[in-house]
């Protein structure tokens, strides 16, 4: 994976993570916690790809099927792409309901 690709994918994921941290600090709710966990998982995907590109932790056998590195990458992506949108949707609906009650 090229450096440009890693930066192109890593920058938006980093922004999501920073935004989730800020939201979690401001409002400690279940939805902000889900967003933080989801964006943390997406950051783990980025770190797995960086480790694969730089040949770090060779015992993880990055890029091979049925290897620990493959499952770290796979499950981090699955959890990140599930938890973050659920947290975002829950947050958006909560904000909307609070506005409707005023």
PDB file of N, CA and C in Angstrom:
ATOM      1  N   UNK A   1       0.856  -1.162   0.000  1.00  0.00           N
ATOM      2  CA  UNK A   1       0.000   0.000   0.000  1.00  0.00           C
ATOM      3  C   UNK A   1       0.904   1.227   0.000  1.00  0.00           C
ATOM      4  N   UNK A   2       0.606   2.192  -0.834  1.00  0.00           N
ATOM      5  CA  UNK A   2       1.461   3.362  -0.964  1.00  0.00           C
ATOM      6  C   UNK A   2       1.238   4.353   0.176  1.00  0.00           C
ATOM      7  N   UNK A   3       2.224   5.215   0.350  1.00  0.00           N
ATOM      8  CA  UNK A   3       2.147   6.230   1.401  1.00  0.00           C
ATOM      9  C   UNK A   3       1.006   7.189   1.148  1.00  0.00           C
ATOM     10  N   UNK A   4       0.788   7.554  -0.110  1.00  0.00           N
ATOM     11  CA  UNK A   4      -0.289   8.476  -0.451  1.00  0.00           C
ATOM     12  C   UNK A   4      -1.654   7.885  -0.088  1.00  0.00           C
ATOM     13  N   UNK A   5      -1.823   6.608  -0.347  1.00  0.00           N
ATOM     14  CA  UNK A   5      -3.085   5.945  -0.011  1.00  0.00           C
ATOM     15  C   UNK A   5      -3.298   5.909   1.500  1.00  0.00           C
ATOM     16  N   UNK A   6      -2.228   5.591   2.239  1.00  0.00           N
ATOM     17  CA  UNK A   6      -2.346   5.546   3.700  1.00  0.00           C
ATOM     18  C   UNK A   6      -2.703   6.909   4.272  1.00  0.00           C
ATOM     19  N   UNK A   7      -2.094   7.969   3.734  1.00  0.00           N
ATOM     20  CA  UNK A   7      -2.415   9.320   4.198  1.00  0.00           C
ATOM     21  C   UNK A   7      -3.838   9.691   3.796  1.00  0.00           C
ATOM     22  N   UNK A   8      -4.232   9.314   2.581  1.00  0.00           N
ATOM     23  CA  UNK A   8      -5.581   9.629   2.101  1.00  0.00           C
ATOM     24  C   UNK A   8      -6.670   8.949   2.893  1.00  0.00           C
ATOM     25  N   UNK A   9      -6.378   7.783   3.416  1.00  0.00           N
ATOM     26  CA  UNK A   9      -7.358   7.065   4.240  1.00  0.00           C
ATOM     27  C   UNK A   9      -7.211   7.449   5.710  1.00  0.00           C
ATOM     28  N   UNK A  10      -5.973   7.676   6.132  1.00  0.00           N
ATOM     29  CA  UNK A  10      -5.705   7.967   7.539  1.00  0.00           C
ATOM     30  C   UNK A  10      -6.177   9.335   7.992  1.00  0.00           C
ATOM     31  N   UNK A  11      -6.116  10.327   7.115  1.00  0.00           N
ATOM     32  CA  UNK A  11      -6.520  11.685   7.502  1.00  0.00           C
ATOM     33  C   UNK A  11      -8.000  11.763   7.873  1.00  0.00           C
ATOM     34  N   UNK A  12      -8.927  11.256   7.042  1.00  0.00           N
ATOM     35  CA  UNK A  12     -10.344  11.304   7.448  1.00  0.00           C
ATOM     36  C   UNK A  12     -10.638  10.466   8.699  1.00  0.00           C
ATOM     37  N   UNK A  13      -9.981   9.313   8.820  1.00  0.00           N
ATOM     38  CA  UNK A  13     -10.199   8.480  10.008  1.00  0.00           C
ATOM     39  C   UNK A  13      -9.691   9.193  11.254  1.00  0.00           C
ATOM     40  N   UNK A  14      -8.575   9.900  11.134  1.00  0.00           N
ATOM     41  CA  UNK A  14      -8.046  10.666  12.270  1.00  0.00           C
ATOM     42  C   UNK A  14      -8.993  11.795  12.665  1.00  0.00           C
ATOM     43  N   UNK A  15      -9.565  12.457  11.666  1.00  0.00           N
ATOM     44  CA  UNK A  15     -10.528  13.522  11.950  1.00  0.00           C
ATOM     45  C   UNK A  15     -11.775  12.975  12.630  1.00  0.00           C
ATOM     46  N   UNK A  16     -12.239  11.815  12.186  1.00  0.00           N
ATOM     47  CA  UNK A  16     -13.381  11.173  12.857  1.00  0.00           C
ATOM     48  C   UNK A  16     -13.049  10.869  14.313  1.00  0.00           C
ATOM     49  N   UNK A  17     -11.846  10.359  14.538  1.00  0.00           N
ATOM     50  CA  UNK A  17     -11.442  10.007  15.900  1.00  0.00           C
ATOM     51  C   UNK A  17     -11.349  11.242  16.785  1.00  0.00           C
ATOM     52  N   UNK A  18     -10.728  12.297  16.283  1.00  0.00           N
ATOM     53  CA  UNK A  18     -10.607  13.531  17.066  1.00  0.00           C
ATOM     54  C   UNK A  18     -11.989  14.120  17.358  1.00  0.00           C
ATOM     55  N   UNK A  19     -12.869  14.118  16.359  1.00  0.00           N
ATOM     56  CA  UNK A  19     -14.230  14.611  16.567  1.00  0.00           C
ATOM     57  C   UNK A  19     -14.984  13.780  17.589  1.00  0.00           C
ATOM     58  N   UNK A  20     -14.791  12.462  17.558  1.00  0.00           N
ATOM     59  CA  UNK A  20     -15.464  11.588  18.520  1.00  0.00           C
ATOM     60  C   UNK A  20     -14.927  11.816  19.936  1.00  0.00           C
ATOM     61  N   UNK A  21     -13.625  12.069  20.052  1.00  0.00           N
ATOM     62  CA  UNK A  21     -13.049  12.355  21.368  1.00  0.00           C
ATOM     63  C   UNK A  21     -13.620  13.655  21.923  1.00  0.00           C
ATOM     64  N   UNK A  22     -13.695  14.683  21.092  1.00  0.00           N
ATOM     65  CA  UNK A  22     -14.238  15.978  21.524  1.00  0.00           C
ATOM     66  C   UNK A  22     -15.697  15.824  21.951  1.00  0.00           C
ATOM     67  N   UNK A  23     -16.483  15.108  21.148  1.00  0.00           N
ATOM     68  CA  UNK A  23     -17.892  14.897  21.488  1.00  0.00           C
ATOM     69  C   UNK A  23     -18.029  14.117  22.794  1.00  0.00           C
ATOM     70  N   UNK A  24     -17.170  13.108  22.977  1.00  0.00           N
ATOM     71  CA  UNK A  24     -17.240  12.303  24.198  1.00  0.00           C
ATOM     72  C   UNK A  24     -16.870  13.137  25.423  1.00  0.00           C
ATOM     73  N   UNK A  25     -15.909  14.046  25.281  1.00  0.00           N
ATOM     74  CA  UNK A  25     -15.531  14.908  26.400  1.00  0.00           C
ATOM     75  C   UNK A  25     -16.667  15.870  26.732  1.00  0.00           C
ATOM     76  N   UNK A  26     -17.330  16.412  25.696  1.00  0.00           N
ATOM     77  CA  UNK A  26     -18.423  17.359  25.920  1.00  0.00           C
ATOM     78  C   UNK A  26     -19.676  16.682  26.458  1.00  0.00           C
ATOM     79  N   UNK A  27     -20.044  15.541  25.873  1.00  0.00           N
ATOM     80  CA  UNK A  27     -21.276  14.857  26.257  1.00  0.00           C
ATOM     81  C   UNK A  27     -20.983  13.378  26.458  1.00  0.00           C
ATOM     82  N   UNK A  28     -20.940  12.938  27.663  1.00  0.00           N
ATOM     83  CA  UNK A  28     -20.668  11.531  27.945  1.00  0.00           C
ATOM     84  C   UNK A  28     -21.976  10.737  27.874  1.00  0.00           C
ATOM     85  N   UNK A  29     -22.344  10.394  26.654  1.00  0.00           N
ATOM     86  CA  UNK A  29     -23.559   9.615  26.433  1.00  0.00           C
ATOM     87  C   UNK A  29     -23.199   8.298  25.759  1.00  0.00           C
ATOM     88  N   UNK A  30     -24.174   7.410  25.672  1.00  0.00           N
ATOM     89  CA  UNK A  30     -23.944   6.126  25.017  1.00  0.00           C
ATOM     90  C   UNK A  30     -23.625   6.322  23.537  1.00  0.00           C
ATOM     91  N   UNK A  31     -24.298   7.288  22.899  1.00  0.00           N
ATOM     92  CA  UNK A  31     -24.049   7.508  21.478  1.00  0.00           C
ATOM     93  C   UNK A  31     -22.643   8.036  21.230  1.00  0.00           C
ATOM     94  N   UNK A  32     -22.149   8.917  22.085  1.00  0.00           N
ATOM     95  CA  UNK A  32     -20.787   9.421  21.893  1.00  0.00           C
ATOM     96  C   UNK A  32     -19.759   8.332  22.196  1.00  0.00           C
ATOM     97  N   UNK A  33     -20.085   7.441  23.122  1.00  0.00           N
ATOM     98  CA  UNK A  33     -19.201   6.312  23.413  1.00  0.00           C
ATOM     99  C   UNK A  33     -19.133   5.357  22.215  1.00  0.00           C
ATOM    100  N   UNK A  34     -20.277   5.096  21.579  1.00  0.00           N
ATOM    101  CA  UNK A  34     -20.288   4.245  20.394  1.00  0.00           C
ATOM    102  C   UNK A  34     -19.479   4.862  19.258  1.00  0.00           C
ATOM    103  N   UNK A  35     -19.609   6.169  19.090  1.00  0.00           N
ATOM    104  CA  UNK A  35     -18.830   6.850  18.055  1.00  0.00           C
ATOM    105  C   UNK A  35     -17.336   6.763  18.357  1.00  0.00           C
ATOM    106  N   UNK A  36     -16.972   6.924  19.599  1.00  0.00           N
ATOM    107  CA  UNK A  36     -15.564   6.855  19.991  1.00  0.00           C
ATOM    108  C   UNK A  36     -15.013   5.447  19.767  1.00  0.00           C
ATOM    109  N   UNK A  37     -15.755   4.436  20.159  1.00  0.00           N
ATOM    110  CA  UNK A  37     -15.312   3.057  19.935  1.00  0.00           C
ATOM    111  C   UNK A  37     -15.204   2.736  18.442  1.00  0.00           C
ATOM    112  N   UNK A  38     -16.195   3.178  17.664  1.00  0.00           N
ATOM    113  CA  UNK A  38     -16.170   2.925  16.228  1.00  0.00           C
ATOM    114  C   UNK A  38     -15.011   3.611  15.538  1.00  0.00           C
ATOM    115  N   UNK A  39     -14.769   4.866  15.882  1.00  0.00           N
ATOM    116  CA  UNK A  39     -13.651   5.572  15.253  1.00  0.00           C
ATOM    117  C   UNK A  39     -12.316   5.012  15.739  1.00  0.00           C
ATOM    118  N   UNK A  40     -12.263   4.525  16.974  1.00  0.00           N
ATOM    119  CA  UNK A  40     -11.059   3.855  17.462  1.00  0.00           C
ATOM    120  C   UNK A  40     -10.768   2.580  16.686  1.00  0.00           C
ATOM    121  N   UNK A  41     -11.809   1.846  16.350  1.00  0.00           N
ATOM    122  CA  UNK A  41     -11.639   0.646  15.524  1.00  0.00           C
ATOM    123  C   UNK A  41     -11.155   1.009  14.119  1.00  0.00           C
ATOM    124  N   UNK A  42     -11.677   2.089  13.562  1.00  0.00           N
ATOM    125  CA  UNK A  42     -11.204   2.531  12.245  1.00  0.00           C
ATOM    126  C   UNK A  42      -9.737   2.956  12.308  1.00  0.00           C
ATOM    127  N   UNK A  43      -9.328   3.569  13.414  1.00  0.00           N
ATOM    128  CA  UNK A  43      -7.919   3.911  13.574  1.00  0.00           C
ATOM    129  C   UNK A  43      -7.068   2.643  13.666  1.00  0.00           C
ATOM    130  N   UNK A  44      -7.611   1.595  14.262  1.00  0.00           N
ATOM    131  CA  UNK A  44      -6.901   0.325  14.340  1.00  0.00           C
ATOM    132  C   UNK A  44      -6.689  -0.266  12.941  1.00  0.00           C
ATOM    133  N   UNK A  45      -7.667  -0.092  12.071  1.00  0.00           N
ATOM    134  CA  UNK A  45      -7.515  -0.545  10.682  1.00  0.00           C
ATOM    135  C   UNK A  45      -6.357   0.199  10.022  1.00  0.00           C
ATOM    136  N   UNK A  46      -6.293   1.512  10.235  1.00  0.00           N
ATOM    137  CA  UNK A  46      -5.214   2.312   9.660  1.00  0.00           C
ATOM    138  C   UNK A  46      -3.870   1.844  10.210  1.00  0.00           C
ATOM    139  N   UNK A  47      -3.792   1.636  11.521  1.00  0.00           N
ATOM    140  CA  UNK A  47      -2.543   1.182  12.120  1.00  0.00           C
ATOM    141  C   UNK A  47      -2.148  -0.210  11.628  1.00  0.00           C
ATOM    142  N   UNK A  48      -3.119  -1.073  11.377  1.00  0.00           N
ATOM    143  CA  UNK A  48      -2.819  -2.394  10.835  1.00  0.00           C
ATOM    144  C   UNK A  48      -2.223  -2.284   9.437  1.00  0.00           C
ATOM    145  N   UNK A  49      -2.748  -1.375   8.635  1.00  0.00           N
ATOM    146  CA  UNK A  49      -2.217  -1.199   7.286  1.00  0.00           C
ATOM    147  C   UNK A  49      -0.837  -0.550   7.298  1.00  0.00           C
ATOM    148  N   UNK A  50      -0.602   0.350   8.238  1.00  0.00           N
ATOM    149  CA  UNK A  50       0.735   0.942   8.386  1.00  0.00           C
ATOM    150  C   UNK A  50       1.723  -0.145   8.810  1.00  0.00           C
ATOM    151  N   UNK A  51       1.338  -0.981   9.752  1.00  0.00           N
ATOM    152  CA  UNK A  51       2.206  -2.067  10.201  1.00  0.00           C
ATOM    153  C   UNK A  51       2.492  -3.043   9.062  1.00  0.00           C
ATOM    154  N   UNK A  52       1.495  -3.294   8.225  1.00  0.00           N
ATOM    155  CA  UNK A  52       1.694  -4.180   7.085  1.00  0.00           C
ATOM    156  C   UNK A  52       2.649  -3.546   6.068  1.00  0.00           C
ATOM    157  N   UNK A  53       2.476  -2.251   5.797  1.00  0.00           N
ATOM    158  CA  UNK A  53       3.322  -1.575   4.813  1.00  0.00           C
ATOM    159  C   UNK A  53       4.766  -1.464   5.285  1.00  0.00           C
ATOM    160  N   UNK A  54       4.973  -1.284   6.581  1.00  0.00           N
ATOM    161  CA  UNK A  54       6.323  -1.115   7.127  1.00  0.00           C
ATOM    162  C   UNK A  54       6.928  -2.427   7.613  1.00  0.00           C
ATOM    163  N   UNK A  55       6.200  -3.529   7.443  1.00  0.00           N
ATOM    164  CA  UNK A  55       6.648  -4.868   7.846  1.00  0.00           C
ATOM    165  C   UNK A  55       6.945  -4.932   9.349  1.00  0.00           C
ATOM    166  N   UNK A  56       6.093  -4.299  10.125  1.00  0.00           N
ATOM    167  CA  UNK A  56       6.196  -4.369  11.580  1.00  0.00           C
ATOM    168  C   UNK A  56       5.463  -5.616  12.071  1.00  0.00           C
ATOM    169  N   UNK A  57       5.895  -6.143  13.166  1.00  0.00           N
ATOM    170  CA  UNK A  57       5.279  -7.323  13.781  1.00  0.00           C
ATOM    171  C   UNK A  57       5.106  -8.464  12.764  1.00  0.00           C
ATOM    172  N   UNK A  58       6.198  -9.019  12.268  1.00  0.00           N
ATOM    173  CA  UNK A  58       6.082 -10.077  11.247  1.00  0.00           C
ATOM    174  C   UNK A  58       5.340 -11.315  11.739  1.00  0.00           C
ATOM    175  N   UNK A  59       5.311 -11.535  13.060  1.00  0.00           N
ATOM    176  CA  UNK A  59       4.596 -12.694  13.582  1.00  0.00           C
ATOM    177  C   UNK A  59       3.089 -12.587  13.373  1.00  0.00           C
ATOM    178  N   UNK A  60       2.585 -11.372  13.052  1.00  0.00           N
ATOM    179  CA  UNK A  60       1.154 -11.207  12.771  1.00  0.00           C
ATOM    180  C   UNK A  60       0.800 -11.671  11.359  1.00  0.00           C
ATOM    181  N   UNK A  61       1.793 -11.881  10.504  1.00  0.00           N
ATOM    182  CA  UNK A  61       1.599 -12.368   9.122  1.00  0.00           C
ATOM    183  C   UNK A  61       0.588 -11.518   8.367  1.00  0.00           C
ATOM    184  N   UNK A  62       0.858 -10.207   8.332  1.00  0.00           N
ATOM    185  CA  UNK A  62      -0.037  -9.259   7.678  1.00  0.00           C
ATOM    186  C   UNK A  62      -0.288  -9.659   6.231  1.00  0.00           C
ATOM    187  N   UNK A  63      -1.505  -9.552   5.786  1.00  0.00           N
ATOM    188  CA  UNK A  63      -1.864  -9.796   4.394  1.00  0.00           C
ATOM    189  C   UNK A  63      -2.164 -11.238   4.044  1.00  0.00           C
ATOM    190  N   UNK A  64      -1.959 -12.152   4.947  1.00  0.00           N
ATOM    191  CA  UNK A  64      -2.242 -13.563   4.677  1.00  0.00           C
ATOM    192  C   UNK A  64      -3.590 -13.947   5.273  1.00  0.00           C
ATOM    193  N   UNK A  65      -4.320 -14.770   4.532  1.00  0.00           N
ATOM    194  CA  UNK A  65      -5.595 -15.252   5.063  1.00  0.00           C
ATOM    195  C   UNK A  65      -5.346 -16.167   6.258  1.00  0.00           C
ATOM    196  N   UNK A  66      -6.288 -16.229   7.142  1.00  0.00           N
ATOM    197  CA  UNK A  66      -6.241 -17.072   8.335  1.00  0.00           C
ATOM    198  C   UNK A  66      -5.097 -16.705   9.276  1.00  0.00           C
ATOM    199  N   UNK A  67      -4.625 -15.462   9.230  1.00  0.00           N
ATOM    200  CA  UNK A  67      -3.551 -15.019  10.117  1.00  0.00           C
ATOM    201  C   UNK A  67      -4.117 -14.068  11.164  1.00  0.00           C
ATOM    202  N   UNK A  68      -3.431 -13.897  12.280  1.00  0.00           N
ATOM    203  CA  UNK A  68      -3.909 -12.947  13.295  1.00  0.00           C
ATOM    204  C   UNK A  68      -4.057 -11.527  12.747  1.00  0.00           C
ATOM    205  N   UNK A  69      -3.116 -11.099  11.907  1.00  0.00           N
ATOM    206  CA  UNK A  69      -3.182  -9.758  11.336  1.00  0.00           C
ATOM    207  C   UNK A  69      -4.415  -9.554  10.471  1.00  0.00           C
ATOM    208  N   UNK A  70      -4.790 -10.587   9.740  1.00  0.00           N
ATOM    209  CA  UNK A  70      -5.986 -10.519   8.895  1.00  0.00           C
ATOM    210  C   UNK A  70      -7.228 -10.316   9.753  1.00  0.00           C
ATOM    211  N   UNK A  71      -7.319 -11.055  10.851  1.00  0.00           N
ATOM    212  CA  UNK A  71      -8.513 -10.951  11.694  1.00  0.00           C
ATOM    213  C   UNK A  71      -8.545  -9.653  12.492  1.00  0.00           C
ATOM    214  N   UNK A  72      -7.388  -9.135  12.891  1.00  0.00           N
ATOM    215  CA  UNK A  72      -7.354  -7.824  13.549  1.00  0.00           C
ATOM    216  C   UNK A  72      -7.898  -6.772  12.595  1.00  0.00           C
ATOM    217  N   UNK A  73      -7.424  -6.807  11.361  1.00  0.00           N
ATOM    218  CA  UNK A  73      -7.855  -5.849  10.344  1.00  0.00           C
ATOM    219  C   UNK A  73      -9.349  -6.018  10.029  1.00  0.00           C
ATOM    220  N   UNK A  74      -9.767  -7.246   9.812  1.00  0.00           N
ATOM    221  CA  UNK A  74     -11.157  -7.524   9.437  1.00  0.00           C
ATOM    222  C   UNK A  74     -12.136  -7.098  10.527  1.00  0.00           C
ATOM    223  N   UNK A  75     -11.907  -7.541  11.759  1.00  0.00           N
ATOM    224  CA  UNK A  75     -12.864  -7.252  12.824  1.00  0.00           C
ATOM    225  C   UNK A  75     -12.831  -5.799  13.257  1.00  0.00           C
ATOM    226  N   UNK A  76     -11.686  -5.170  13.128  1.00  0.00           N
ATOM    227  CA  UNK A  76     -11.638  -3.728  13.411  1.00  0.00           C
ATOM    228  C   UNK A  76     -12.479  -2.967  12.396  1.00  0.00           C
ATOM    229  N   UNK A  77     -12.385  -3.361  11.130  1.00  0.00           N
ATOM    230  CA  UNK A  77     -13.181  -2.701  10.093  1.00  0.00           C
ATOM    231  C   UNK A  77     -14.673  -2.954  10.293  1.00  0.00           C
ATOM    232  N   UNK A  78     -15.038  -4.184  10.597  1.00  0.00           N
ATOM    233  CA  UNK A  78     -16.452  -4.522  10.800  1.00  0.00           C
ATOM    234  C   UNK A  78     -17.024  -3.747  11.990  1.00  0.00           C
ATOM    235  N   UNK A  79     -16.301  -3.753  13.106  1.00  0.00           N
ATOM    236  CA  UNK A  79     -16.789  -3.036  14.286  1.00  0.00           C
ATOM    237  C   UNK A  79     -16.816  -1.527  14.057  1.00  0.00           C
ATOM    238  N   UNK A  80     -15.797  -0.997  13.412  1.00  0.00           N
ATOM    239  CA  UNK A  80     -15.756   0.441  13.151  1.00  0.00           C
ATOM    240  C   UNK A  80     -16.873   0.897  12.248  1.00  0.00           C
ATOM    241  N   UNK A  81     -17.130   0.117  11.193  1.00  0.00           N
ATOM    242  CA  UNK A  81     -18.184   0.489  10.249  1.00  0.00           C
ATOM    243  C   UNK A  81     -19.580   0.166  10.765  1.00  0.00           C
ATOM    244  N   UNK A  82     -19.666  -0.483  11.914  1.00  0.00           N
ATOM    245  CA  UNK A  82     -20.965  -0.720  12.552  1.00  0.00           C
ATOM    246  C   UNK A  82     -21.200   0.254  13.703  1.00  0.00           C
ATOM    247  N   UNK A  83     -20.237   0.365  14.593  1.00  0.00           N
ATOM    248  CA  UNK A  83     -20.424   1.165  15.807  1.00  0.00           C
ATOM    249  C   UNK A  83     -20.506   2.661  15.523  1.00  0.00           C
ATOM    250  N   UNK A  84     -19.642   3.175  14.651  1.00  0.00           N
ATOM    251  CA  UNK A  84     -19.657   4.624  14.413  1.00  0.00           C
ATOM    252  C   UNK A  84     -20.987   5.092  13.814  1.00  0.00           C
ATOM    253  N   UNK A  85     -21.498   4.454  12.748  1.00  0.00           N
ATOM    254  CA  UNK A  85     -22.789   4.923  12.222  1.00  0.00           C
ATOM    255  C   UNK A  85     -23.950   4.764  13.201  1.00  0.00           C
ATOM    256  N   UNK A  86     -23.947   3.699  13.991  1.00  0.00           N
ATOM    257  CA  UNK A  86     -25.010   3.518  14.984  1.00  0.00           C
ATOM    258  C   UNK A  86     -24.940   4.635  16.021  1.00  0.00           C
ATOM    259  N   UNK A  87     -23.736   4.957  16.477  1.00  0.00           N
ATOM    260  CA  UNK A  87     -23.577   6.050  17.430  1.00  0.00           C
ATOM    261  C   UNK A  87     -23.969   7.391  16.845  1.00  0.00           C
ATOM    262  N   UNK A  88     -23.605   7.613  15.585  1.00  0.00           N
ATOM    263  CA  UNK A  88     -23.952   8.875  14.927  1.00  0.00           C
ATOM    264  C   UNK A  88     -25.461   9.007  14.769  1.00  0.00           C
ATOM    265  N   UNK A  89     -26.111   7.943  14.326  1.00  0.00           N
ATOM    266  CA  UNK A  89     -27.563   7.965  14.145  1.00  0.00           C
ATOM    267  C   UNK A  89     -28.271   8.166  15.479  1.00  0.00           C
ATOM    268  N   UNK A  90     -27.818   7.479  16.513  1.00  0.00           N
ATOM    269  CA  UNK A  90     -28.414   7.634  17.833  1.00  0.00           C
ATOM    270  C   UNK A  90     -28.242   9.066  18.340  1.00  0.00           C
ATOM    271  N   UNK A  91     -27.067   9.626  18.132  1.00  0.00           N
ATOM    272  CA  UNK A  91     -26.812  11.010  18.547  1.00  0.00           C
ATOM    273  C   UNK A  91     -27.718  11.978  17.791  1.00  0.00           C
ATOM    274  N   UNK A  92     -27.827  11.789  16.478  1.00  0.00           N
ATOM    275  CA  UNK A  92     -28.656  12.688  15.672  1.00  0.00           C
ATOM    276  C   UNK A  92     -30.126  12.601  16.088  1.00  0.00           C
ATOM    277  N   UNK A  93     -30.621  11.405  16.343  1.00  0.00           N
ATOM    278  CA  UNK A  93     -32.018  11.253  16.756  1.00  0.00           C
ATOM    279  C   UNK A  93     -32.252  11.827  18.149  1.00  0.00           C
ATOM    280  N   UNK A  94     -31.283  11.686  19.036  1.00  0.00           N
ATOM    281  CA  UNK A  94     -31.411  12.240  20.380  1.00  0.00           C
ATOM    282  C   UNK A  94     -31.451  13.751  20.338  1.00  0.00           C
ATOM    283  N   UNK A  95     -30.585  14.351  19.546  1.00  0.00           N
ATOM    284  CA  UNK A  95     -30.570  15.817  19.405  1.00  0.00           C
ATOM    285  C   UNK A  95     -31.890  16.297  18.819  1.00  0.00           C
ATOM    286  N   UNK A  96     -32.406  15.571  17.829  1.00  0.00           N
ATOM    287  CA  UNK A  96     -33.669  15.962  17.205  1.00  0.00           C
ATOM    288  C   UNK A  96     -34.820  15.869  18.187  1.00  0.00           C
ATOM    289  N   UNK A  97     -34.859  14.813  18.992  1.00  0.00           N
ATOM    290  CA  UNK A  97     -35.938  14.652  19.973  1.00  0.00           C
ATOM    291  C   UNK A  97     -35.846  15.711  21.059  1.00  0.00           C
ATOM    292  N   UNK A  98     -34.624  16.065  21.477  1.00  0.00           N
ATOM    293  CA  UNK A  98     -34.482  17.119  22.488  1.00  0.00           C
ATOM    294  C   UNK A  98     -34.965  18.457  21.947  1.00  0.00           C
ATOM    295  N   UNK A  99     -34.712  18.735  20.669  1.00  0.00           N
ATOM    296  CA  UNK A  99     -35.171  19.974  20.055  1.00  0.00           C
ATOM    297  C   UNK A  99     -36.676  20.016  19.895  1.00  0.00           C
ATOM    298  N   UNK A 100     -37.306  18.873  19.650  1.00  0.00           N
ATOM    299  CA  UNK A 100     -38.750  18.810  19.464  1.00  0.00           C
ATOM    300  C   UNK A 100     -39.503  18.991  20.795  1.00  0.00           C
ATOM    301  N   UNK A 101     -38.868  18.624  21.893  1.00  0.00           N
ATOM    302  CA  UNK A 101     -39.522  18.720  23.197  1.00  0.00           C
ATOM    303  C   UNK A 101     -39.496  20.140  23.759  1.00  0.00           C
ATOM    304  N   UNK A 102     -38.673  21.002  23.193  1.00  0.00           N
ATOM    305  CA  UNK A 102     -38.573  22.382  23.719  1.00  0.00           C
ATOM    306  C   UNK A 102     -39.657  23.255  23.205  1.00  0.00           C
TER     307      UNK A 102
END
